[in-house]
Amino acid sequence: MRLKEGKDHQIYEVLDMHLEPELERRMGALGLTAGIRIEIVNNQKRGAVIVKFRGARFAFGRRIADQIQIKEAAGWKNTPGGARR
């Protein structure tokens, strides 16, 4: 599934990113790489998707969120407010 399709307060694992090389390098510098777990903080289906990873929150536009492939993270508690193992 794509990041823009994820649900609020759920934990996902990044599988792949299909971004322009410069943007993909920037995402890597921020720590967003394949295999990292992220929590979707707010995804209202309009506007930015707000995610949390590596202790920080980031807002991604719909275009970028459409190009990041994710899957539900196994072994993580997917309950509201429960981003814990």
Protein backbone atom coordinates (compact mmCIF):
# COMPACT_ATOMS: atom_id res chain seq x y z
CA MET A 1 0.00 0.00 0.00
CA ARG A 2 1.04 3.61 -0.35
CA LEU A 3 1.71 5.97 2.57
CA LYS A 4 -1.25 8.15 1.62
CA GLU A 5 -3.54 5.11 2.13
CA GLY A 6 -2.38 4.43 5.71
CA LYS A 7 -4.58 4.96 8.76
CA ASP A 8 -4.05 7.34 11.65
CA HIS A 9 -2.15 6.03 14.69
CA GLN A 10 -0.97 2.88 12.91
CA ILE A 11 2.62 1.67 12.63
CA TYR A 12 3.99 0.78 9.21
CA GLU A 13 7.29 -0.31 7.72
CA VAL A 14 8.66 1.48 4.67
CA LEU A 15 9.21 -0.97 1.81
CA ASP A 16 10.37 1.27 -1.03
CA MET A 17 10.34 4.83 -2.28
CA HIS A 18 9.89 5.85 -5.91
CA LEU A 19 11.09 9.44 -5.69
CA GLU A 20 13.34 11.64 -7.78
CA PRO A 21 16.99 10.92 -6.88
CA GLU A 22 17.53 14.30 -5.18
CA LEU A 23 14.39 13.93 -3.07
CA GLU A 24 15.24 10.34 -2.18
CA ARG A 25 18.69 11.46 -0.97
CA ARG A 26 17.02 14.13 1.16
CA MET A 27 14.64 11.57 2.67
CA GLY A 28 17.62 9.34 3.44
CA ALA A 29 19.36 12.25 5.17
CA LEU A 30 16.26 12.67 7.35
CA GLY A 31 16.41 8.96 8.21
CA LEU A 32 13.53 7.76 6.02
CA THR A 33 14.88 4.61 4.40
CA ALA A 34 13.52 1.20 3.48
CA GLY A 35 12.90 -0.92 6.58
CA ILE A 36 12.25 1.94 9.00
CA ARG A 37 9.04 1.92 11.06
CA ILE A 38 6.85 5.00 10.94
CA GLU A 39 3.64 6.02 12.67
CA ILE A 40 0.98 7.94 10.80
CA VAL A 41 -0.04 10.75 13.13
CA ASN A 42 -2.62 12.39 10.86
CA ASN A 43 -3.92 11.39 7.44
CA GLN A 44 -7.17 13.19 6.69
CA LYS A 45 -7.11 12.23 3.00
CA ARG A 46 -6.65 15.93 2.12
CA GLY A 47 -3.51 17.90 2.56
CA ALA A 48 -0.30 16.61 4.10
CA VAL A 49 0.26 13.23 5.71
CA ILE A 50 1.90 13.74 9.10
CA VAL A 51 4.19 10.92 10.18
CA LYS A 52 6.54 10.26 13.06
CA PHE A 53 9.83 8.40 12.84
CA ARG A 54 13.18 8.58 14.63
CA GLY A 55 11.56 10.74 17.33
CA ALA A 56 10.48 13.56 15.00
CA ARG A 57 7.33 14.50 13.09
CA PHE A 58 7.31 15.26 9.39
CA ALA A 59 4.60 16.37 6.98
CA PHE A 60 4.64 14.92 3.47
CA GLY A 61 2.53 16.25 0.64
CA ARG A 62 0.14 13.88 -1.15
CA ARG A 63 2.47 13.60 -4.17
CA ILE A 64 5.34 12.34 -2.02
CA ALA A 65 3.08 10.14 0.14
CA ASP A 66 1.79 8.51 -3.04
CA GLN A 67 5.32 7.37 -3.94
CA ILE A 68 6.27 5.72 -0.62
CA GLN A 69 5.33 2.04 -0.36
CA ILE A 70 4.53 0.70 3.13
CA LYS A 71 3.21 -2.39 4.88
CA GLU A 72 1.74 -2.88 8.31
CA ALA A 73 4.56 -3.49 10.78
CA ALA A 74 4.43 -6.96 12.28
CA GLY A 75 4.90 -7.30 16.02
CA TRP A 76 3.82 -3.74 16.83
CA LYS A 77 0.75 -2.82 18.76
CA ASN A 78 -1.50 -0.97 16.35
CA THR A 79 -3.86 0.75 18.72
CA PRO A 80 -4.51 4.48 19.06
CA GLY A 81 -1.59 5.95 20.93
CA GLY A 82 0.11 2.56 21.12
CA ALA A 83 3.25 2.83 19.03
CA ARG A 84 4.99 0.35 21.26
CA ARG A 85 6.12 -3.19 20.88
